[in-house]
Structure formats: C-alpha cells, structure tokens
C-alpha cells in the first residue's frame, strides 16, 4: 500500500470501535462500473452496502470514516492466482492458503480464486479437500472457490504446465475432482481434447465455470464448447494456438476465435512482461467490456530475481521480474500481484479510471459468476479498495472490516 504523510482518513466521527455494525464511508470520489461520482457516502450495515447517498445527507449520529483523498473503489477480484511470497496453492496446505489470502488482501484483492496448476488427480483432490476446510476470516481475502488450471491441456500448448501430469478428459478422472464441486468455481481445459465436450456439460451442470486454456484447437473446437456452455478463456495469447494452414485454406486458431467472439469473457496478464503493449491493445479493442485482468501470480510473486519456487512438479526461477522455467522457454506465472497491474493496464491502453477499475472488479466477478462482489451497489458486500489518483492501493476492507485498524 502507498504511504503519505497527510492523513488518509478523518476518524473524528468514527464512534467507538473500529468496525461498528452500521457506519458510513464518505469519499471525495466513488468508482461505479461506468462513472466516477463525487462527494458520496456508502452506508454499510453488517458487512453489506445498504445505500449510497450524497455525503451531505449522512446523519450526524452515524459513525463515519471520511476519506480525505483518493478514490473509493470495489475490492479487487483475482480469478487466477497460484500463490505469493514463496507459498503456493498446489502445496495443499491450509496454513499456506491462509497466508496467501492474507497477502492478497493486504495488497488490495478482497476476493480470489486459489488456482491449482496441473498435478496428479489425487494431489488436486487433496488440495480441494484442504480448501473446503479453510475458514473465512476478516484478515484474509474471501475464497468462493478454486480455479483448476488443468490437468486437461494440450501438450503442444502446455507452456510451463507439468507435461507428465497432463491428461485427456475422456479417462473419467474428473469424477474424483467433482466430489469437490462445492469448492470449485472454475476449471480451464483444452476444448479440442477427447471428452472435452462431455466435460463442459458436466461442469455446467455442476455450476462450475467452464473455461478454455492451454489449447491447440481451432475456432470450430471453441464454438462447439461454447454451444455446450463454455463461457470464459484464460490468459489470452498465453497457451493459445494461432492461425494454421490447411492446404491453401487458413484456419483460425484459439487466439483468433477468442478475439472474434461476441460473448466470451477473457483474461489478460498485464504485468508488462507477458505481453507487448501492441498485443494488449489488440485484445482490448476486440474485447472491451469482457476483458479482465488476472495476476496469474505464482509463488514467486514478491520474491527478488534469482529466487526459485515450484508449482506442482515444475520448478521455476524469478528473472527479470517474471517467473521463468529453468530452460527460459516459457513463463512460469507472473511475479506481480493484481493491484500492481492496474496502473500498467491503464497507461498501456489509455483507459478511463472507471474502465480500468472495472477490469479488476466487475468484469472478473461476472466471468467467475461471483455474486455480490465487484461493484459498489446496494446489496453487495462491503469490500472496498481505496486508490490514489495514480490507481495505487492505499487501504482495503472486506465485509466492512478495514485492514488498517488505524489507517495511515
């Protein structure tokens, strides 16, 4: 979080106790999904937003936290993150998951999907079982479910995924994973594989978001999967086939099919390493309103160059501010958390402040079908991120509970 000598909050009307059941957050600027409002107050009761009113209408008797500067935005939502600070979801350890969730919240992410990389089915099931028992705590980002990134991926587009652990969905191994359907929010897979359409149907029936990723298929494969209920594509450009030739004919790959889609939501990693600015601009021009940012943060996030970390069976190194395989042939996730990507995306794409903020709040929440997060609206959870004018995080709250008991 950014620090500033001038006080961030006026707490003279905060009342007794840091987190009263009902209070107002008064802000000079408030970020809605399509515009910025000035001098507004969000009324919080029992961890939810119950009203947004003009600041001058806040009753004098109501405890208030008055933001002196900056923008009050929804809490960030990261639907694709593997770990941070040397800890990874694939470890399948509750203490590691809780600590990652604390790191996420302190950085400004109030909701995240703990993301498992490809691994043996038994290891994934063990990790899901552990996640099922992780309690929701006010000092950690909320975890509505896991994102299984694999193991049903194409070898040719595996990137840094463990080659030994990839498989096809027609072996019915998904049965073991779906025993934990209550804690799986999203599963990404290659739609051209044998059994992929049946897998899509099973996921949709289980209310799990079906997403395309690490695929060597073509536009026809993606269309068939969409017809079966697939609705999302992970990290555009990364692990995606492109145009191939069939004799004289050009066949659109997964990349072109994604860019040409009318209703898919799509992820993009905006760490300034994974994608050139030109690629980011093409994606945004084609997918604005449906393109969200994800960190794809690895256990290397927050570690210095030269640090080593693992995800599943594969080992990686932090080099040049990004994760790499030891052969330097593929990225191994990012080493940047989502809030640090927001200023990069805004500068690269020339985004308005509301459009930039929507890419890390409302759009990912819609992509993962997460209810009551990602917006500042009546009935939504009181998850907040306070941003500077440069879109840097200054404070954060989840369910109305602020990370800083004494804000700085």
Protein backbone atom coordinates (compact mmCIF):
# COMPACT_ATOMS: atom_id res chain seq x y z
CA UNK A 1 0.00 0.00 0.00
CA UNK A 2 1.13 3.55 -0.63
CA UNK A 3 2.11 5.76 2.27
CA UNK A 4 1.66 9.50 2.61
CA UNK A 5 2.43 11.92 5.42
CA UNK A 6 -1.01 13.52 5.14
CA UNK A 7 -3.75 11.52 6.90
CA UNK A 8 -5.83 9.32 4.67
CA UNK A 9 -8.88 9.30 6.92
CA UNK A 10 -10.67 11.70 9.25
CA UNK A 11 -11.82 9.39 12.05
CA UNK A 12 -13.22 12.10 14.30
CA UNK A 13 -16.73 10.74 13.74
CA UNK A 14 -15.83 7.05 13.70
CA UNK A 15 -17.52 6.38 17.01
CA UNK A 16 -16.40 3.67 19.44
CA UNK A 17 -14.89 0.55 17.94
CA UNK A 18 -13.07 0.24 14.63
CA UNK A 19 -15.82 -1.67 12.87
CA UNK A 20 -19.31 -0.66 14.04
CA UNK A 21 -22.18 -2.73 12.61
CA UNK A 22 -23.53 0.32 10.79
CA UNK A 23 -21.38 3.20 9.57
CA UNK A 24 -20.71 5.47 6.61
CA UNK A 25 -17.69 5.67 4.34
CA UNK A 26 -17.52 9.18 2.92
CA UNK A 27 -15.37 9.65 -0.18
CA UNK A 28 -14.42 12.58 -2.41
CA UNK A 29 -14.62 10.15 -5.37
CA UNK A 30 -16.57 6.92 -5.73
CA UNK A 31 -15.98 4.42 -8.56
CA UNK A 32 -19.07 2.88 -10.11
CA UNK A 33 -18.77 0.49 -13.04
CA UNK A 34 -19.24 3.24 -15.64
CA UNK A 35 -18.53 6.55 -13.96
CA UNK A 36 -16.95 8.39 -11.04
CA UNK A 37 -19.23 10.16 -8.58
CA UNK A 38 -18.03 12.92 -6.26
CA UNK A 39 -18.76 13.56 -2.59
CA UNK A 40 -20.69 10.37 -1.92
CA UNK A 41 -21.19 8.18 1.12
CA UNK A 42 -21.57 4.41 1.23
CA UNK A 43 -23.69 3.20 4.12
CA UNK A 44 -22.51 -0.15 5.48
CA UNK A 45 -24.54 -2.42 7.71
CA UNK A 46 -23.47 -5.86 8.89
CA UNK A 47 -20.83 -6.11 6.18
CA UNK A 48 -23.00 -5.12 3.22
CA UNK A 49 -23.74 -1.94 1.31
CA UNK A 50 -27.27 -0.82 2.08
CA UNK A 51 -27.29 2.61 0.45
CA UNK A 52 -25.21 5.16 -1.45
CA UNK A 53 -26.14 8.78 -0.75
CA UNK A 54 -24.77 12.29 -1.13
CA UNK A 55 -22.14 12.96 1.51
CA UNK A 56 -24.07 15.89 2.97
CA UNK A 57 -27.01 13.58 3.73
CA UNK A 58 -25.13 11.38 6.20
CA UNK A 59 -26.87 11.67 9.59
CA UNK A 60 -24.71 13.35 12.22
CA UNK A 61 -25.40 10.46 14.58
CA UNK A 62 -23.96 7.83 12.20
CA UNK A 63 -20.30 6.84 12.71
CA UNK A 64 -18.31 7.78 9.63
CA UNK A 65 -14.90 7.16 8.10
CA UNK A 66 -14.17 10.20 5.96
CA UNK A 67 -11.72 9.65 3.13
CA UNK A 68 -9.60 12.78 2.75
CA UNK A 69 -8.26 11.97 -0.70
CA UNK A 70 -8.34 9.32 -3.41
CA UNK A 71 -10.99 7.05 -4.88
CA UNK A 72 -13.22 4.55 -3.10
CA UNK A 73 -13.46 1.52 -5.40
CA UNK A 74 -14.81 -2.02 -5.08
CA UNK A 75 -12.43 -4.61 -3.72
CA UNK A 76 -10.32 -6.23 -6.44
CA UNK A 77 -11.23 -9.70 -7.73
CA UNK A 78 -8.47 -12.04 -8.97
CA UNK A 79 -9.82 -15.21 -10.57
CA UNK A 80 -6.43 -16.68 -11.50
CA UNK A 81 -3.65 -16.64 -8.89
CA UNK A 82 -1.43 -19.53 -7.73
CA UNK A 83 0.41 -18.02 -4.79
CA UNK A 84 2.81 -15.39 -3.48
CA UNK A 85 5.87 -14.85 -1.28
CA UNK A 86 7.19 -18.38 -1.78
CA UNK A 87 3.87 -20.07 -0.98
CA UNK A 88 1.67 -21.90 -3.47
CA UNK A 89 -1.84 -23.32 -3.61
CA UNK A 90 -0.51 -26.58 -5.03
CA UNK A 91 1.17 -27.30 -1.71
CA UNK A 92 -2.26 -28.29 -0.45
CA UNK A 93 -1.57 -26.87 2.99
CA UNK A 94 -4.13 -24.82 4.88
CA UNK A 95 -1.55 -22.55 6.51
CA UNK A 96 -0.08 -21.67 3.10
CA UNK A 97 -3.50 -20.91 1.60
CA UNK A 98 -4.46 -18.72 4.56
CA UNK A 99 -1.18 -16.80 4.36
CA UNK A 100 -1.57 -16.25 0.59
CA UNK A 101 -5.11 -14.99 1.22
CA UNK A 102 -3.74 -12.55 3.80
CA UNK A 103 -1.11 -11.32 1.34
CA UNK A 104 -3.79 -10.87 -1.31
CA UNK A 105 -5.99 -8.80 1.00
CA UNK A 106 -3.14 -6.59 2.17
CA UNK A 107 -2.34 -5.87 -1.48
CA UNK A 108 -5.94 -4.86 -2.29
CA UNK A 109 -7.51 -8.12 -3.52
CA UNK A 110 -10.64 -8.86 -1.49
CA UNK A 111 -11.79 -11.92 -3.48
CA UNK A 112 -9.64 -14.52 -5.24
CA UNK A 113 -9.86 -18.00 -6.70
CA UNK A 114 -6.97 -20.10 -5.38
CA UNK A 115 -5.59 -21.59 -8.58
CA UNK A 116 -4.15 -25.08 -8.87
CA UNK A 117 -1.73 -25.87 -11.70
CA UNK A 118 -1.79 -29.32 -13.32
CA UNK A 119 -0.89 -32.10 -10.91
CA UNK A 120 -1.87 -35.73 -10.23
CA UNK A 121 -5.61 -36.08 -9.61
CA UNK A 122 -5.04 -37.32 -6.06
CA UNK A 123 -2.93 -34.25 -5.27
CA UNK A 124 -5.58 -31.91 -6.69
CA UNK A 125 -8.29 -33.69 -4.70
CA UNK A 126 -6.22 -33.36 -1.55
CA UNK A 127 -5.79 -29.65 -2.16
CA UNK A 128 -9.51 -29.17 -2.76
CA UNK A 129 -10.29 -31.05 0.45
CA UNK A 130 -7.99 -28.70 2.35
CA UNK A 131 -9.55 -25.64 0.71
CA UNK A 132 -13.01 -26.84 1.72
CA UNK A 133 -11.99 -26.53 5.37
CA UNK A 134 -10.29 -23.13 5.19
CA UNK A 135 -12.34 -20.70 7.32
CA UNK A 136 -13.33 -17.26 6.08
CA UNK A 137 -11.50 -14.67 8.17
CA UNK A 138 -11.73 -10.87 8.22
CA UNK A 139 -7.95 -10.58 7.75
CA UNK A 140 -7.87 -12.61 4.52
CA UNK A 141 -9.32 -12.27 1.04
CA UNK A 142 -12.50 -14.27 0.61
CA UNK A 143 -12.22 -17.52 -1.34
CA UNK A 144 -15.51 -18.51 -3.02
CA UNK A 145 -13.90 -21.47 -4.80
CA UNK A 146 -10.88 -22.82 -6.60
CA UNK A 147 -9.77 -22.43 -10.19
CA UNK A 148 -8.40 -25.71 -11.56
CA UNK A 149 -5.99 -24.74 -14.31
CA UNK A 150 -5.62 -28.21 -15.75
CA UNK A 151 -4.83 -31.04 -15.95
CA UNK A 152 -6.77 -31.39 -19.24
CA UNK A 153 -4.45 -29.44 -21.52
CA UNK A 154 -2.75 -29.89 -24.90
CA UNK A 155 0.88 -30.90 -24.70
CA UNK A 156 1.75 -28.54 -27.55
CA UNK A 157 0.40 -25.54 -25.62
CA UNK A 158 1.27 -26.59 -22.08
CA UNK A 159 3.68 -23.68 -21.53
CA UNK A 160 5.05 -24.18 -18.03
CA UNK A 161 2.44 -26.77 -17.01
CA UNK A 162 3.79 -30.16 -15.91
CA UNK A 163 3.95 -32.32 -19.04
CA UNK A 164 3.84 -35.55 -17.02
CA UNK A 165 0.56 -34.58 -15.36
CA UNK A 166 -1.46 -33.65 -18.45
CA UNK A 167 -4.27 -35.96 -19.49
CA UNK A 168 -7.46 -36.06 -21.55
CA UNK A 169 -10.92 -35.75 -20.00
CA UNK A 170 -12.23 -38.96 -21.57
CA UNK A 171 -10.48 -41.01 -18.86
CA UNK A 172 -13.25 -40.03 -16.42
CA UNK A 173 -10.76 -38.81 -13.84
CA UNK A 174 -12.91 -35.72 -13.41
CA UNK A 175 -15.25 -37.83 -11.26
CA UNK A 176 -12.72 -37.63 -8.43
CA UNK A 177 -12.43 -33.88 -8.80
CA UNK A 178 -16.17 -33.29 -8.94
CA UNK A 179 -16.51 -34.83 -5.50
CA UNK A 180 -15.34 -31.34 -4.51
CA UNK A 181 -17.65 -29.46 -6.87
CA UNK A 182 -18.81 -27.28 -3.97
CA UNK A 183 -15.34 -25.70 -3.76
CA UNK A 184 -14.55 -25.50 -7.49
CA UNK A 185 -15.57 -22.20 -9.09
CA UNK A 186 -13.81 -22.61 -12.44
CA UNK A 187 -11.98 -25.25 -14.47
CA UNK A 188 -9.91 -24.45 -17.55
CA UNK A 189 -9.14 -27.08 -20.19
CA UNK A 190 -8.36 -27.53 -23.90
CA UNK A 191 -11.70 -27.87 -25.75
CA UNK A 192 -10.28 -29.95 -28.60
CA UNK A 193 -9.34 -32.92 -26.41
CA UNK A 194 -11.25 -36.18 -26.41
CA UNK A 195 -14.07 -35.92 -23.89
CA UNK A 196 -13.88 -32.14 -23.63
CA UNK A 197 -17.48 -31.51 -24.68
CA UNK A 198 -18.77 -34.05 -22.16
CA UNK A 199 -16.57 -32.39 -19.54
CA UNK A 200 -18.05 -29.00 -20.42
CA UNK A 201 -21.54 -30.34 -19.90
CA UNK A 202 -20.62 -31.86 -16.54
CA UNK A 203 -19.08 -28.63 -15.35
CA UNK A 204 -22.06 -26.55 -16.40
CA UNK A 205 -24.41 -28.98 -14.64
CA UNK A 206 -22.29 -28.64 -11.50
CA UNK A 207 -22.43 -24.81 -11.72
CA UNK A 208 -18.69 -24.57 -12.42
CA UNK A 209 -17.42 -22.06 -14.97
CA UNK A 210 -16.00 -23.91 -17.98
CA UNK A 211 -13.01 -22.07 -19.44
CA UNK A 212 -10.72 -22.66 -22.40
CA UNK A 213 -6.97 -22.65 -21.96
CA UNK A 214 -3.64 -24.17 -23.00
CA UNK A 215 -5.30 -25.28 -26.21
CA UNK A 216 -4.01 -26.28 -29.62
CA UNK A 217 -7.51 -26.36 -31.09
CA UNK A 218 -9.21 -24.14 -33.63
CA UNK A 219 -12.28 -21.94 -33.89
CA UNK A 220 -14.58 -24.91 -34.50
CA UNK A 221 -13.49 -26.51 -31.23
CA UNK A 222 -14.15 -23.31 -29.31
CA UNK A 223 -17.58 -22.84 -30.92
CA UNK A 224 -18.59 -26.40 -30.04
CA UNK A 225 -17.51 -25.90 -26.45
CA UNK A 226 -19.41 -22.60 -26.27
CA UNK A 227 -22.52 -24.36 -27.52
CA UNK A 228 -22.07 -26.78 -24.62
CA UNK A 229 -21.77 -23.93 -22.12
CA UNK A 230 -18.13 -22.80 -22.04
CA UNK A 231 -18.06 -19.08 -21.26
CA UNK A 232 -14.51 -17.98 -20.46
CA UNK A 233 -10.95 -18.02 -21.84
CA UNK A 234 -7.88 -17.82 -19.64
CA UNK A 235 -4.81 -15.59 -20.20
CA UNK A 236 -5.17 -14.52 -23.83
CA UNK A 237 -2.09 -15.13 -26.06
CA UNK A 238 -0.58 -17.49 -23.47
CA UNK A 239 -1.10 -21.16 -24.32
CA UNK A 240 -3.25 -20.44 -27.37
CA UNK A 241 -2.93 -21.76 -30.90
CA UNK A 242 -2.97 -19.27 -33.74
CA UNK A 243 -3.77 -19.39 -37.47
CA UNK A 244 -2.64 -22.55 -39.29
CA UNK A 245 -2.81 -23.59 -42.92
CA UNK A 246 -4.87 -26.48 -44.24
CA UNK A 247 -3.60 -26.59 -47.78
CA UNK A 248 -4.49 -23.24 -49.28
CA UNK A 249 -7.01 -22.51 -46.52
CA UNK A 250 -6.34 -20.56 -43.36
CA UNK A 251 -7.90 -21.96 -40.19
CA UNK A 252 -8.43 -19.63 -37.24
CA UNK A 253 -6.81 -20.82 -34.03
CA UNK A 254 -7.90 -20.28 -30.45
CA UNK A 255 -6.43 -16.80 -30.38
CA UNK A 256 -8.34 -15.52 -33.39
CA UNK A 257 -11.52 -17.26 -32.25
CA UNK A 258 -11.20 -15.60 -28.86
CA UNK A 259 -10.63 -12.15 -30.34
CA UNK A 260 -13.59 -12.57 -32.69
CA UNK A 261 -16.00 -13.83 -30.02
CA UNK A 262 -19.13 -11.91 -29.15
CA UNK A 263 -19.84 -13.09 -25.61
CA UNK A 264 -16.82 -14.80 -24.04
CA UNK A 265 -15.14 -13.23 -21.04
CA UNK A 266 -11.37 -13.30 -21.37
CA UNK A 267 -8.38 -12.90 -19.07
CA UNK A 268 -5.23 -10.88 -19.72
CA UNK A 269 -1.99 -10.74 -17.72
CA UNK A 270 -0.88 -7.09 -17.55
CA UNK A 271 2.44 -7.36 -15.75
CA UNK A 272 4.38 -5.63 -18.53
CA UNK A 273 6.27 -8.87 -19.13
CA UNK A 274 3.89 -11.46 -20.56
CA UNK A 275 2.55 -9.32 -23.40
CA UNK A 276 3.83 -6.48 -25.57
CA UNK A 277 1.72 -3.34 -25.44
CA UNK A 278 0.55 -3.96 -29.02
CA UNK A 279 -0.95 -7.32 -28.05
CA UNK A 280 -2.69 -5.78 -25.06
CA UNK A 281 -4.20 -3.06 -27.25
CA UNK A 282 -5.48 -5.54 -29.82
CA UNK A 283 -7.13 -7.60 -27.09
CA UNK A 284 -8.78 -4.57 -25.53
CA UNK A 285 -10.06 -3.22 -28.86
CA UNK A 286 -11.68 -6.58 -29.59
CA UNK A 287 -12.92 -7.46 -26.11
CA UNK A 288 -13.54 -4.24 -24.18
CA UNK A 289 -16.19 -4.80 -21.54
CA UNK A 290 -15.42 -8.54 -21.43
CA UNK A 291 -11.65 -8.41 -20.87
CA UNK A 292 -10.48 -8.70 -17.29
CA UNK A 293 -7.06 -8.60 -15.72
CA UNK A 294 -5.66 -11.52 -13.75
CA UNK A 295 -2.35 -11.76 -11.97
CA UNK A 296 -1.56 -15.43 -12.69
CA UNK A 297 0.60 -14.77 -9.63
CA UNK A 298 2.98 -17.58 -8.82
CA UNK A 299 4.71 -18.38 -5.52
CA UNK A 300 7.43 -16.15 -6.96
CA UNK A 301 5.26 -13.05 -6.57
CA UNK A 302 7.04 -10.64 -4.28
CA UNK A 303 10.36 -12.51 -4.43
CA UNK A 304 13.57 -10.98 -5.83
CA UNK A 305 15.31 -12.04 -9.01
CA UNK A 306 17.16 -15.32 -8.59
CA UNK A 307 14.57 -16.80 -6.23
CA UNK A 308 13.33 -20.29 -7.02
CA UNK A 309 9.84 -21.68 -6.49
CA UNK A 310 7.67 -24.59 -7.56
CA UNK A 311 4.13 -25.20 -8.78
CA UNK A 312 3.19 -28.84 -8.83
CA UNK A 313 6.12 -30.87 -10.16
CA UNK A 314 7.80 -27.99 -12.03
CA UNK A 315 10.47 -25.66 -10.65
CA UNK A 316 10.84 -22.04 -11.77
CA UNK A 317 13.07 -19.03 -11.23
CA UNK A 318 12.32 -15.32 -10.89
CA UNK A 319 14.22 -13.48 -13.59
CA UNK A 320 13.68 -10.01 -14.99
CA UNK A 321 10.63 -9.50 -12.77
CA UNK A 322 8.74 -12.53 -14.08
CA UNK A 323 8.63 -16.29 -13.47
CA UNK A 324 10.57 -18.50 -15.90
CA UNK A 325 11.16 -22.17 -16.44
CA UNK A 326 14.80 -23.06 -15.92
CA UNK A 327 15.16 -23.54 -19.67
CA UNK A 328 13.90 -19.95 -20.16
CA UNK A 329 11.49 -21.34 -22.77
CA UNK A 330 8.23 -20.40 -21.01
CA UNK A 331 6.94 -18.02 -18.40
CA UNK A 332 6.03 -19.72 -15.14
CA UNK A 333 3.28 -17.41 -13.98
CA UNK A 334 3.79 -13.79 -13.02
CA UNK A 335 5.57 -12.34 -10.03
CA UNK A 336 3.21 -9.36 -9.85
CA UNK A 337 0.01 -9.16 -7.81
CA UNK A 338 -3.15 -7.83 -9.45
CA UNK A 339 -3.24 -4.31 -7.95
CA UNK A 340 0.20 -3.54 -9.39
CA UNK A 341 -1.07 -4.46 -12.85
CA UNK A 342 -3.84 -1.86 -12.81
CA UNK A 343 -1.63 1.22 -13.45
CA UNK A 344 0.24 -0.71 -16.15
CA UNK A 345 -3.01 -1.53 -17.96
CA UNK A 346 -4.35 2.00 -17.67
CA UNK A 347 -1.16 3.51 -19.08
CA UNK A 348 -0.79 0.91 -21.83
CA UNK A 349 -4.41 1.05 -23.00
CA UNK A 350 -5.28 4.68 -22.32
CA UNK A 351 -8.21 3.63 -20.15
CA UNK A 352 -10.56 5.89 -18.25
CA UNK A 353 -10.46 5.34 -14.50
CA UNK A 354 -13.87 3.57 -14.39
CA UNK A 355 -12.94 1.28 -17.29
CA UNK A 356 -9.61 0.39 -15.70
CA UNK A 357 -11.15 -0.37 -12.32
CA UNK A 358 -13.90 -2.49 -13.91
CA UNK A 359 -11.22 -4.77 -15.37
CA UNK A 360 -10.16 -5.82 -11.86
CA UNK A 361 -13.57 -5.75 -10.17
CA UNK A 362 -16.84 -6.14 -12.04
CA UNK A 363 -15.64 -7.99 -15.14
CA UNK A 364 -13.73 -10.78 -13.35
CA UNK A 365 -16.60 -11.16 -10.89
CA UNK A 366 -19.01 -11.63 -13.79
CA UNK A 367 -16.61 -14.01 -15.55
CA UNK A 368 -16.50 -16.27 -12.50
CA UNK A 369 -20.20 -15.76 -11.75
CA UNK A 370 -19.43 -14.41 -8.29
CA UNK A 371 -22.44 -12.71 -6.78
CA UNK A 372 -22.39 -9.59 -4.59
CA UNK A 373 -18.75 -8.65 -5.23
CA UNK A 374 -17.06 -6.36 -7.73
CA UNK A 375 -19.41 -3.38 -7.51
CA UNK A 376 -20.38 -0.60 -5.15
CA UNK A 377 -24.11 -1.18 -5.18
CA UNK A 378 -26.89 -1.78 -2.70
CA UNK A 379 -26.87 -5.40 -1.51
CA UNK A 380 -23.23 -6.00 -2.45
CA UNK A 381 -20.62 -6.95 0.13
CA UNK A 382 -18.80 -4.03 1.71
CA UNK A 383 -15.49 -4.88 0.03
CA UNK A 384 -13.52 -1.71 -0.68
CA UNK A 385 -10.18 -0.66 -2.11
CA UNK A 386 -9.02 2.91 -1.62
CA UNK A 387 -6.93 4.09 -4.57
CA UNK A 388 -4.75 7.09 -5.18
CA UNK A 389 -5.26 9.15 -8.32
CA UNK A 390 -2.46 7.01 -9.82
CA UNK A 391 -4.54 3.90 -9.00
CA UNK A 392 -2.21 2.68 -6.29
CA UNK A 393 -3.75 0.93 -3.27
CA UNK A 394 -3.86 2.95 -0.05
CA UNK A 395 -6.30 0.92 2.08
CA UNK A 396 -8.61 -2.07 1.78
CA UNK A 397 -11.61 -3.58 3.55
CA UNK A 398 -13.51 -6.83 3.30
CA UNK A 399 -17.03 -7.16 4.65
CA UNK A 400 -16.69 -3.69 6.10
CA UNK A 401 -13.57 -4.61 8.11
CA UNK A 402 -10.56 -2.45 7.27
CA UNK A 403 -7.08 -3.93 7.05
CA UNK A 404 -5.64 -0.94 8.92
CA UNK A 405 -7.27 -0.54 12.31
CA UNK A 406 -5.52 2.82 12.40
CA UNK A 407 -5.42 3.83 8.73
CA UNK A 408 -2.31 5.63 7.50
